[in-house]
Amino acid sequence: MENKTSWKTLVDWKTLSSSSLIGERQIVTIKSIQKEEIISNNGKKQIVATCRFTDWKNPMAMNKTNFRTLEKIFETDICEDWYLKQIVIYRKGGIKFGKDIVEGIRIKPLPKQICDVCGKEIDYKLFKHSVEKYGIPLCSAECKEKANLKVEDTSEKPTLENLIENMEEENNGN
């Protein structure tokens, strides 16, 4: 299959857009939420609510749908309580924007990451590190020791993306 280029990836967007995402979804860390003046893509200045991420230069213009999702995920409407928390941003088509139907960015919670040995919930950074290093999610050195045989016997280590997809499927099924 050929790699073809969408014009949307060639434009210097002033805010985060669905075409900014690498792949269908990305895990990001909330840095701040505030009102700020942005220059829209048509050159017009406007003050909008934005969310900045530690992982991106450009802010994401926020809307009520995404604010309500954050409130539901973090069980609070206090923006400062969301700082340094991780979420998944993803592309979604079929969003009504004025008279148009467009592709946009939506938010969802991180899937729960569970230690393969003890079943304890672990944070994403530890999950990612242990999967990349040992091939399975582990919460501690103790669990690493308990899983030692399992790690050595694993001939085909799962990818991080596959593990996240499997966890999302399990969470959606429950």
Protein backbone atom coordinates (compact mmCIF):
# COMPACT_ATOMS: atom_id res chain seq x y z
CA MET A 1 0.00 0.00 0.00
CA GLU A 2 1.29 3.46 -0.91
CA ASN A 3 1.94 6.13 1.67
CA LYS A 4 -0.10 9.13 0.61
CA THR A 5 -0.02 12.58 2.18
CA SER A 6 -3.07 14.49 3.40
CA TRP A 7 -2.85 18.25 2.93
CA LYS A 8 -3.91 18.56 6.58
CA THR A 9 -0.51 17.26 7.67
CA LEU A 10 1.27 19.98 5.68
CA VAL A 11 -0.47 22.96 7.29
CA ASP A 12 1.07 24.69 10.34
CA TRP A 13 -1.96 24.44 12.62
CA LYS A 14 -2.14 26.93 15.49
CA THR A 15 -3.91 24.40 17.73
CA LEU A 16 -3.74 20.65 18.06
CA SER A 17 -5.88 19.01 15.38
CA SER A 18 -6.82 15.44 14.54
CA SER A 19 -4.21 15.49 11.76
CA SER A 20 -1.55 16.33 14.40
CA LEU A 21 -1.95 12.89 15.97
CA ILE A 22 0.50 10.18 15.05
CA GLY A 23 -1.72 7.16 14.53
CA GLU A 24 -5.30 6.97 15.69
CA ARG A 25 -4.65 7.81 19.36
CA GLN A 26 -1.96 9.08 21.69
CA ILE A 27 -1.35 9.12 25.40
CA VAL A 28 -0.70 12.66 26.65
CA THR A 29 -0.09 14.39 29.99
CA ILE A 30 -2.12 17.47 30.89
CA LYS A 31 0.13 20.46 31.62
CA SER A 32 -2.42 23.27 32.02
CA ILE A 33 -5.92 24.41 31.17
CA GLN A 34 -6.69 28.08 30.71
CA LYS A 35 -8.25 30.70 28.49
CA GLU A 36 -5.84 32.10 25.96
CA GLU A 37 -5.84 34.09 22.78
CA ILE A 38 -5.22 32.00 19.72
CA ILE A 39 -5.15 32.83 16.07
CA SER A 40 -7.58 30.56 14.26
CA ASN A 41 -6.57 28.91 11.02
CA ASN A 42 -8.37 31.67 9.10
CA GLY A 43 -6.22 34.31 10.86
CA LYS A 44 -8.89 35.56 13.27
CA LYS A 45 -7.87 36.21 16.91
CA GLN A 46 -10.13 34.73 19.56
CA ILE A 47 -10.01 33.84 23.24
CA VAL A 48 -10.79 30.18 23.87
CA ALA A 49 -10.36 27.57 26.57
CA THR A 50 -7.30 25.45 25.83
CA CYS A 51 -5.57 22.41 27.21
CA ARG A 52 -1.81 22.23 26.94
CA PHE A 53 0.02 18.93 27.15
CA THR A 54 3.60 18.27 28.23
CA ASP A 55 3.98 16.26 25.02
CA TRP A 56 2.86 18.91 22.47
CA LYS A 57 3.84 22.46 21.52
CA ASN A 58 0.39 23.58 20.35
CA PRO A 59 -2.63 23.76 22.67
CA MET A 60 -5.84 21.83 22.13
CA ALA A 61 -8.90 24.08 21.86
CA MET A 62 -11.40 22.69 24.34
CA ASN A 63 -15.14 22.26 24.01
CA LYS A 64 -17.91 21.24 26.41
CA THR A 65 -17.80 17.60 25.30
CA ASN A 66 -14.11 17.24 26.11
CA PHE A 67 -14.47 19.19 29.39
CA ARG A 68 -17.33 16.91 30.49
CA THR A 69 -15.24 13.86 29.61
CA LEU A 70 -12.33 15.12 31.74
CA GLU A 71 -14.69 15.83 34.63
CA LYS A 72 -16.08 12.29 34.38
CA ILE A 73 -12.61 10.69 34.13
CA PHE A 74 -11.14 12.57 37.11
CA GLU A 75 -14.38 12.91 39.12
CA THR A 76 -13.90 16.65 39.65
CA ASP A 77 -14.62 19.82 37.72
CA ILE A 78 -11.49 21.56 39.10
CA CYS A 79 -9.07 21.96 36.20
CA GLU A 80 -5.95 22.20 38.38
CA ASP A 81 -6.71 18.71 39.74
CA TRP A 82 -6.25 17.37 36.20
CA TYR A 83 -2.68 18.66 35.83
CA LEU A 84 0.00 16.01 35.24
CA LYS A 85 -2.68 13.36 34.72
CA GLN A 86 -2.58 11.22 31.62
CA ILE A 87 -5.36 10.66 29.12
CA VAL A 88 -5.81 9.26 25.64
CA ILE A 89 -6.63 11.68 22.83
CA TYR A 90 -7.94 10.14 19.64
CA ARG A 91 -9.40 10.98 16.25
CA LYS A 92 -13.14 10.83 15.81
CA GLY A 93 -15.08 11.48 12.64
CA GLY A 94 -18.68 12.61 12.34
CA ILE A 95 -18.38 15.60 14.67
CA LYS A 96 -20.72 18.48 13.90
CA PHE A 97 -18.84 21.80 13.71
CA GLY A 98 -21.15 24.61 12.62
CA LYS A 99 -22.76 23.40 9.41
CA ASP A 100 -19.98 20.91 8.66
CA ILE A 101 -19.31 17.34 9.74
CA VAL A 102 -15.60 17.07 10.54
CA GLU A 103 -12.98 14.87 12.13
CA GLY A 104 -11.91 16.07 15.58
CA ILE A 105 -10.13 15.10 18.77
CA ARG A 106 -11.90 13.38 21.63
CA ILE A 107 -10.65 12.30 25.05
CA LYS A 108 -10.91 9.02 26.94
CA PRO A 109 -9.28 7.59 30.06
CA LEU A 110 -6.17 5.47 29.96
CA PRO A 111 -7.00 1.79 30.05
CA LYS A 112 -6.20 0.25 33.42
CA GLN A 113 -2.77 -1.34 33.54
CA ILE A 114 -2.51 -4.41 35.72
CA CYS A 115 0.60 -6.22 36.95
CA ASP A 116 0.77 -9.63 35.28
CA VAL A 117 1.96 -11.30 38.50
CA CYS A 118 -0.05 -9.84 41.41
CA GLY A 119 -2.96 -8.10 39.65
CA LYS A 120 -2.21 -4.72 41.24
CA GLU A 121 -3.04 -1.61 39.18
CA ILE A 122 0.11 0.22 38.05
CA ASP A 123 0.74 3.65 36.53
CA TYR A 124 1.34 4.00 32.83
CA LYS A 125 5.05 4.90 32.99
CA LEU A 126 5.88 1.79 35.02
CA PHE A 127 3.63 -0.29 32.79
CA LYS A 128 5.35 0.99 29.64
CA HIS A 129 8.85 0.51 31.09
CA SER A 130 8.24 -3.04 32.27
CA VAL A 131 6.57 -4.10 29.01
CA GLU A 132 9.43 -2.65 26.96
CA LYS A 133 12.12 -4.17 29.20
CA TYR A 134 10.58 -7.51 30.25
CA GLY A 135 7.71 -8.09 27.84
CA ILE A 136 5.04 -8.09 30.55
CA PRO A 137 3.55 -5.47 32.90
CA LEU A 138 5.15 -5.64 36.36
CA CYS A 139 4.62 -3.43 39.43
CA SER A 140 7.75 -4.11 41.48
CA ALA A 141 11.12 -5.84 41.71
CA GLU A 142 9.41 -8.53 43.80
CA CYS A 143 6.97 -9.29 40.97
CA LYS A 144 9.87 -9.24 38.51
CA GLU A 145 11.58 -11.95 40.58
CA LYS A 146 8.36 -14.01 40.74
CA ALA A 147 7.91 -13.66 36.97
CA ASN A 148 11.53 -14.45 36.13
CA LEU A 149 10.80 -17.87 34.63
CA LYS A 150 7.82 -16.52 32.73
CA VAL A 151 9.94 -13.72 31.26
CA GLU A 152 12.75 -16.11 30.27
CA ASP A 153 10.29 -18.57 28.71
CA THR A 154 8.53 -15.88 26.67
CA SER A 155 9.79 -16.31 23.12
CA GLU A 156 7.46 -13.72 21.61
CA LYS A 157 7.03 -10.56 23.67
CA PRO A 158 3.82 -8.59 23.09
CA THR A 159 4.10 -5.01 21.88
CA LEU A 160 2.95 -2.11 24.03
CA GLU A 161 0.32 -1.20 21.43
CA ASN A 162 -1.12 -4.76 21.48
CA LEU A 163 -1.28 -4.80 25.27
CA ILE A 164 -3.09 -1.43 25.36
CA GLU A 165 -5.56 -2.59 22.69
CA ASN A 166 -6.23 -5.83 24.62
CA MET A 167 -6.78 -3.90 27.87
CA GLU A 168 -9.14 -1.45 26.15
CA GLU A 169 -11.14 -4.37 24.75
CA GLU A 170 -11.32 -5.98 28.21
CA ASN A 171 -12.36 -2.65 29.84
CA ASN A 172 -15.01 -2.04 27.18
CA GLY A 173 -16.37 -5.55 27.69
CA ASN A 174 -16.77 -5.04 31.46
